[in-house]
Amino acid sequence: MGQGPARFVDARRGSDSHDGTLRRPWRTINYALKKLSAGDTLYLRGGQYFENVYCAVAGTPDKPITIRSYPGELATIDGGIPEFQTDAARAWEPVPGGVPGEYRSKKPYKNLR
């Protein structure tokens, strides 16, 4: 466990304008990573985080930065597009002439590779 303060992220009720406390968590992991220092612990509240996380922050051998799920909750980092899972009926359609179970997105997505 980190030696510094605990910070929190909650994809459902957080805001990146908050201060990262348990009562006022940040919304995104990427924002939170910019705010961490050596020894800090970042708790991810349960849920899915639809972001491509880039971690350029580092602790020290004596004061590592710890990123973990909040106790008793499961946080999943998913770099995908939220609506592909949360609103699948509107996001996908069968591929014309495709094999059974083959689907495609109903709309184009900018910068998606």
N, C-alpha and C. Protein backbone atom coordinates (compact mmCIF):
# COMPACT_ATOMS: atom_id res chain seq x y z
N MET A 1 0.84 -1.18 0.00
CA MET A 1 0.00 0.00 0.00
C MET A 1 0.88 1.24 0.00
N GLY A 2 0.46 2.24 -0.71
CA GLY A 2 1.22 3.48 -0.78
C GLY A 2 1.30 4.18 0.57
N GLN A 3 2.28 5.04 0.70
CA GLN A 3 2.48 5.76 1.95
C GLN A 3 1.85 7.15 1.92
N GLY A 4 1.51 7.60 0.74
CA GLY A 4 0.92 8.93 0.60
C GLY A 4 -0.59 8.87 0.74
N PRO A 5 -1.24 9.94 0.34
CA PRO A 5 -2.70 9.99 0.47
C PRO A 5 -3.40 9.03 -0.49
N ALA A 6 -4.60 8.66 -0.12
CA ALA A 6 -5.45 7.86 -0.99
C ALA A 6 -6.26 8.81 -1.87
N ARG A 7 -6.34 8.50 -3.14
CA ARG A 7 -7.13 9.25 -4.11
C ARG A 7 -8.12 8.28 -4.74
N PHE A 8 -9.22 8.84 -5.31
CA PHE A 8 -10.29 7.98 -5.78
C PHE A 8 -10.80 8.42 -7.15
N VAL A 9 -11.19 7.40 -7.94
CA VAL A 9 -11.80 7.62 -9.25
C VAL A 9 -13.11 6.83 -9.29
N ASP A 10 -14.16 7.44 -9.81
CA ASP A 10 -15.45 6.78 -9.94
C ASP A 10 -16.05 7.17 -11.29
N ALA A 11 -16.09 6.21 -12.21
CA ALA A 11 -16.56 6.50 -13.57
C ALA A 11 -18.03 6.90 -13.61
N ARG A 12 -18.81 6.49 -12.62
CA ARG A 12 -20.25 6.78 -12.63
C ARG A 12 -20.61 8.10 -11.98
N ARG A 13 -19.97 8.44 -10.88
CA ARG A 13 -20.40 9.64 -10.16
C ARG A 13 -19.28 10.65 -9.94
N GLY A 14 -18.13 10.40 -10.52
CA GLY A 14 -17.01 11.32 -10.35
C GLY A 14 -17.04 12.46 -11.36
N SER A 15 -16.15 13.42 -11.14
CA SER A 15 -15.96 14.55 -12.06
C SER A 15 -14.50 14.96 -11.97
N ASP A 16 -13.91 15.23 -13.11
CA ASP A 16 -12.51 15.66 -13.11
C ASP A 16 -12.34 17.06 -12.55
N SER A 17 -13.43 17.71 -12.20
CA SER A 17 -13.33 19.00 -11.51
C SER A 17 -13.34 18.81 -9.99
N HIS A 18 -13.52 17.57 -9.53
CA HIS A 18 -13.50 17.27 -8.10
C HIS A 18 -12.06 17.21 -7.60
N ASP A 19 -11.90 16.91 -6.31
CA ASP A 19 -10.56 16.90 -5.71
C ASP A 19 -9.97 15.51 -5.50
N GLY A 20 -10.67 14.45 -5.95
CA GLY A 20 -10.11 13.10 -5.87
C GLY A 20 -10.26 12.42 -4.51
N THR A 21 -11.08 12.99 -3.63
CA THR A 21 -11.33 12.37 -2.34
C THR A 21 -12.44 11.33 -2.48
N LEU A 22 -12.65 10.55 -1.43
CA LEU A 22 -13.69 9.52 -1.46
C LEU A 22 -15.06 10.14 -1.72
N ARG A 23 -15.33 11.29 -1.13
CA ARG A 23 -16.63 11.95 -1.33
C ARG A 23 -16.73 12.71 -2.65
N ARG A 24 -15.58 13.12 -3.19
CA ARG A 24 -15.56 13.88 -4.44
C ARG A 24 -14.51 13.29 -5.39
N PRO A 25 -14.80 12.06 -5.89
CA PRO A 25 -13.81 11.38 -6.73
C PRO A 25 -13.70 11.98 -8.13
N TRP A 26 -12.54 11.73 -8.73
CA TRP A 26 -12.37 12.10 -10.14
C TRP A 26 -13.15 11.12 -11.00
N ARG A 27 -13.37 11.46 -12.25
CA ARG A 27 -14.13 10.60 -13.16
C ARG A 27 -13.23 9.69 -13.99
N THR A 28 -12.07 10.19 -14.42
CA THR A 28 -11.24 9.42 -15.34
C THR A 28 -9.88 9.07 -14.72
N ILE A 29 -9.40 7.91 -15.10
CA ILE A 29 -8.10 7.45 -14.64
C ILE A 29 -7.00 8.34 -15.19
N ASN A 30 -7.09 8.70 -16.46
CA ASN A 30 -6.05 9.53 -17.07
C ASN A 30 -5.89 10.86 -16.36
N TYR A 31 -6.99 11.47 -15.96
CA TYR A 31 -6.89 12.73 -15.22
C TYR A 31 -6.23 12.49 -13.87
N ALA A 32 -6.66 11.44 -13.19
CA ALA A 32 -6.12 11.14 -11.87
C ALA A 32 -4.61 10.89 -11.91
N LEU A 33 -4.15 10.21 -12.94
CA LEU A 33 -2.72 9.89 -13.03
C LEU A 33 -1.86 11.15 -13.05
N LYS A 34 -2.38 12.22 -13.62
CA LYS A 34 -1.63 13.48 -13.67
C LYS A 34 -1.51 14.13 -12.30
N LYS A 35 -2.35 13.72 -11.37
CA LYS A 35 -2.40 14.34 -10.04
C LYS A 35 -1.64 13.56 -8.97
N LEU A 36 -1.15 12.37 -9.31
CA LEU A 36 -0.52 11.52 -8.32
C LEU A 36 0.95 11.86 -8.09
N SER A 37 1.40 11.54 -6.88
CA SER A 37 2.80 11.71 -6.50
C SER A 37 3.31 10.41 -5.91
N ALA A 38 4.61 10.30 -5.77
CA ALA A 38 5.22 9.11 -5.18
C ALA A 38 4.56 8.78 -3.85
N GLY A 39 4.20 7.50 -3.67
CA GLY A 39 3.59 7.04 -2.43
C GLY A 39 2.08 7.06 -2.41
N ASP A 40 1.44 7.69 -3.40
CA ASP A 40 -0.02 7.77 -3.44
C ASP A 40 -0.64 6.42 -3.81
N THR A 41 -1.87 6.22 -3.38
CA THR A 41 -2.67 5.07 -3.78
C THR A 41 -3.91 5.59 -4.50
N LEU A 42 -4.16 5.08 -5.69
CA LEU A 42 -5.34 5.46 -6.46
C LEU A 42 -6.31 4.29 -6.43
N TYR A 43 -7.48 4.52 -5.85
CA TYR A 43 -8.52 3.51 -5.78
C TYR A 43 -9.52 3.74 -6.90
N LEU A 44 -9.77 2.70 -7.67
CA LEU A 44 -10.78 2.75 -8.73
C LEU A 44 -12.06 2.15 -8.16
N ARG A 45 -13.11 2.96 -8.10
CA ARG A 45 -14.40 2.44 -7.64
C ARG A 45 -14.92 1.45 -8.67
N GLY A 46 -15.79 0.54 -8.24
CA GLY A 46 -16.28 -0.51 -9.10
C GLY A 46 -16.98 0.01 -10.35
N GLY A 47 -16.79 -0.70 -11.45
CA GLY A 47 -17.42 -0.34 -12.71
C GLY A 47 -16.44 -0.47 -13.86
N GLN A 48 -16.89 -0.03 -15.02
CA GLN A 48 -16.05 -0.09 -16.21
C GLN A 48 -15.53 1.29 -16.56
N TYR A 49 -14.27 1.33 -16.92
CA TYR A 49 -13.61 2.56 -17.32
C TYR A 49 -13.28 2.44 -18.80
N PHE A 50 -14.05 3.14 -19.62
CA PHE A 50 -13.89 3.09 -21.07
C PHE A 50 -12.89 4.15 -21.50
N GLU A 51 -11.64 3.92 -21.22
CA GLU A 51 -10.60 4.86 -21.63
C GLU A 51 -9.31 4.10 -21.90
N ASN A 52 -8.54 4.63 -22.80
CA ASN A 52 -7.21 4.09 -23.07
C ASN A 52 -6.26 4.79 -22.11
N VAL A 53 -5.80 4.05 -21.14
CA VAL A 53 -5.00 4.63 -20.06
C VAL A 53 -3.54 4.73 -20.47
N TYR A 54 -2.99 5.92 -20.28
CA TYR A 54 -1.57 6.17 -20.52
C TYR A 54 -0.94 6.57 -19.20
N CYS A 55 -0.05 5.75 -18.72
CA CYS A 55 0.56 6.00 -17.41
C CYS A 55 2.01 6.46 -17.59
N ALA A 56 2.23 7.74 -17.38
CA ALA A 56 3.57 8.31 -17.49
C ALA A 56 4.09 8.74 -16.13
N VAL A 57 3.36 8.42 -15.08
CA VAL A 57 3.74 8.80 -13.73
C VAL A 57 4.49 7.63 -13.08
N ALA A 58 5.43 7.95 -12.22
CA ALA A 58 6.19 6.89 -11.54
C ALA A 58 6.43 7.28 -10.09
N GLY A 59 6.45 6.29 -9.25
CA GLY A 59 6.81 6.50 -7.86
C GLY A 59 8.31 6.30 -7.72
N THR A 60 8.72 5.87 -6.56
CA THR A 60 10.12 5.55 -6.29
C THR A 60 10.16 4.16 -5.68
N PRO A 61 11.34 3.54 -5.58
CA PRO A 61 11.40 2.22 -4.95
C PRO A 61 10.85 2.22 -3.52
N ASP A 62 11.05 3.30 -2.80
CA ASP A 62 10.55 3.39 -1.43
C ASP A 62 9.11 3.87 -1.34
N LYS A 63 8.66 4.58 -2.36
CA LYS A 63 7.31 5.14 -2.37
C LYS A 63 6.65 4.88 -3.72
N PRO A 64 6.24 3.63 -3.96
CA PRO A 64 5.59 3.33 -5.24
C PRO A 64 4.20 3.95 -5.31
N ILE A 65 3.74 4.16 -6.52
CA ILE A 65 2.35 4.56 -6.74
C ILE A 65 1.55 3.27 -6.92
N THR A 66 0.47 3.14 -6.17
CA THR A 66 -0.35 1.94 -6.22
C THR A 66 -1.69 2.29 -6.86
N ILE A 67 -2.10 1.48 -7.84
CA ILE A 67 -3.41 1.64 -8.48
C ILE A 67 -4.15 0.33 -8.28
N ARG A 68 -5.33 0.41 -7.67
CA ARG A 68 -6.06 -0.82 -7.37
C ARG A 68 -7.56 -0.56 -7.31
N SER A 69 -8.33 -1.64 -7.36
CA SER A 69 -9.77 -1.52 -7.16
C SER A 69 -10.04 -1.16 -5.70
N TYR A 70 -11.11 -0.43 -5.50
CA TYR A 70 -11.56 -0.12 -4.15
C TYR A 70 -11.91 -1.43 -3.45
N PRO A 71 -11.59 -1.59 -2.17
CA PRO A 71 -11.87 -2.85 -1.47
C PRO A 71 -13.33 -3.30 -1.62
N GLY A 72 -13.50 -4.55 -2.02
CA GLY A 72 -14.83 -5.13 -2.19
C GLY A 72 -15.50 -4.81 -3.50
N GLU A 73 -14.83 -4.05 -4.38
CA GLU A 73 -15.40 -3.68 -5.68
C GLU A 73 -14.45 -4.13 -6.79
N LEU A 74 -14.99 -4.28 -7.99
CA LEU A 74 -14.18 -4.66 -9.14
C LEU A 74 -14.20 -3.56 -10.18
N ALA A 75 -13.05 -3.03 -10.50
CA ALA A 75 -12.92 -2.02 -11.55
C ALA A 75 -12.31 -2.70 -12.77
N THR A 76 -12.90 -2.43 -13.94
CA THR A 76 -12.40 -2.98 -15.19
C THR A 76 -12.01 -1.84 -16.11
N ILE A 77 -10.76 -1.86 -16.57
CA ILE A 77 -10.31 -0.85 -17.54
C ILE A 77 -10.54 -1.44 -18.92
N ASP A 78 -11.41 -0.80 -19.69
CA ASP A 78 -11.79 -1.28 -21.01
C ASP A 78 -11.57 -0.14 -21.99
N GLY A 79 -10.61 -0.29 -22.87
CA GLY A 79 -10.31 0.75 -23.84
C GLY A 79 -11.33 0.85 -24.96
N GLY A 80 -12.42 0.10 -24.86
CA GLY A 80 -13.42 0.08 -25.90
C GLY A 80 -14.35 1.29 -25.89
N ILE A 81 -15.33 1.23 -26.72
CA ILE A 81 -16.32 2.29 -26.84
C ILE A 81 -17.53 1.89 -26.00
N PRO A 82 -17.94 2.73 -25.05
CA PRO A 82 -18.99 2.34 -24.10
C PRO A 82 -20.26 1.80 -24.73
N GLU A 83 -20.75 2.44 -25.76
CA GLU A 83 -22.05 2.03 -26.32
C GLU A 83 -22.00 0.64 -26.94
N PHE A 84 -20.81 0.14 -27.27
CA PHE A 84 -20.73 -1.22 -27.80
C PHE A 84 -21.23 -2.23 -26.78
N GLN A 85 -21.13 -1.90 -25.50
CA GLN A 85 -21.61 -2.81 -24.46
C GLN A 85 -22.87 -2.30 -23.79
N THR A 86 -22.96 -1.01 -23.55
CA THR A 86 -24.09 -0.48 -22.79
C THR A 86 -25.36 -0.32 -23.62
N ASP A 87 -25.24 -0.19 -24.93
CA ASP A 87 -26.40 -0.02 -25.81
C ASP A 87 -26.17 -0.82 -27.09
N ALA A 88 -25.90 -2.10 -26.92
CA ALA A 88 -25.51 -2.95 -28.05
C ALA A 88 -26.56 -3.00 -29.15
N ALA A 89 -27.84 -2.96 -28.80
CA ALA A 89 -28.91 -3.04 -29.80
C ALA A 89 -28.85 -1.88 -30.79
N ARG A 90 -28.37 -0.73 -30.33
CA ARG A 90 -28.27 0.43 -31.22
C ARG A 90 -26.89 0.57 -31.85
N ALA A 91 -25.90 -0.09 -31.28
CA ALA A 91 -24.53 0.07 -31.77
C ALA A 91 -24.15 -0.92 -32.86
N TRP A 92 -24.80 -2.07 -32.89
CA TRP A 92 -24.41 -3.15 -33.81
C TRP A 92 -25.56 -3.53 -34.74
N GLU A 93 -25.20 -4.06 -35.91
CA GLU A 93 -26.19 -4.60 -36.84
C GLU A 93 -25.57 -5.81 -37.54
N PRO A 94 -26.40 -6.76 -37.97
CA PRO A 94 -25.85 -7.91 -38.69
C PRO A 94 -25.18 -7.47 -39.99
N VAL A 95 -24.10 -8.13 -40.35
CA VAL A 95 -23.41 -7.84 -41.60
C VAL A 95 -24.21 -8.47 -42.73
N PRO A 96 -24.66 -7.66 -43.72
CA PRO A 96 -25.42 -8.22 -44.84
C PRO A 96 -24.58 -9.29 -45.56
N GLY A 97 -25.15 -10.47 -45.70
CA GLY A 97 -24.44 -11.56 -46.37
C GLY A 97 -23.37 -12.21 -45.52
N GLY A 98 -23.26 -11.79 -44.28
CA GLY A 98 -22.25 -12.35 -43.39
C GLY A 98 -22.69 -13.67 -42.78
N VAL A 99 -21.80 -14.28 -42.06
CA VAL A 99 -22.12 -15.54 -41.39
C VAL A 99 -22.95 -15.24 -40.15
N PRO A 100 -23.71 -16.21 -39.66
CA PRO A 100 -24.50 -15.99 -38.44
C PRO A 100 -23.59 -15.52 -37.29
N GLY A 101 -24.03 -14.48 -36.60
CA GLY A 101 -23.26 -13.94 -35.48
C GLY A 101 -22.24 -12.90 -35.87
N GLU A 102 -22.17 -12.54 -37.16
CA GLU A 102 -21.22 -11.51 -37.61
C GLU A 102 -21.94 -10.16 -37.63
N TYR A 103 -21.40 -9.21 -36.89
CA TYR A 103 -22.01 -7.89 -36.76
C TYR A 103 -21.01 -6.80 -37.11
N ARG A 104 -21.55 -5.63 -37.40
CA ARG A 104 -20.71 -4.45 -37.64
C ARG A 104 -21.32 -3.26 -36.91
N SER A 105 -20.49 -2.24 -36.72
CA SER A 105 -20.96 -1.03 -36.07
C SER A 105 -21.93 -0.31 -37.00
N LYS A 106 -22.93 0.34 -36.42
CA LYS A 106 -23.90 1.08 -37.22
C LYS A 106 -23.42 2.45 -37.65
N LYS A 107 -22.33 2.93 -37.06
CA LYS A 107 -21.84 4.25 -37.45
C LYS A 107 -20.32 4.27 -37.45
N PRO A 108 -19.74 5.21 -38.20
CA PRO A 108 -18.27 5.31 -38.21
C PRO A 108 -17.77 6.00 -36.94
N TYR A 109 -16.57 5.67 -36.55
CA TYR A 109 -15.95 6.28 -35.38
C TYR A 109 -14.63 6.89 -35.78
N LYS A 110 -14.47 8.16 -35.49
CA LYS A 110 -13.26 8.89 -35.82
C LYS A 110 -12.08 8.33 -35.03
N ASN A 111 -10.95 8.16 -35.70
CA ASN A 111 -9.69 7.72 -35.09
C ASN A 111 -9.75 6.34 -34.47
N LEU A 112 -10.67 5.50 -34.89
CA LEU A 112 -10.76 4.14 -34.39
C LEU A 112 -9.95 3.24 -35.31
N ARG A 113 -9.05 2.50 -34.72
CA ARG A 113 -8.20 1.59 -35.52
C ARG A 113 -8.50 0.18 -35.15
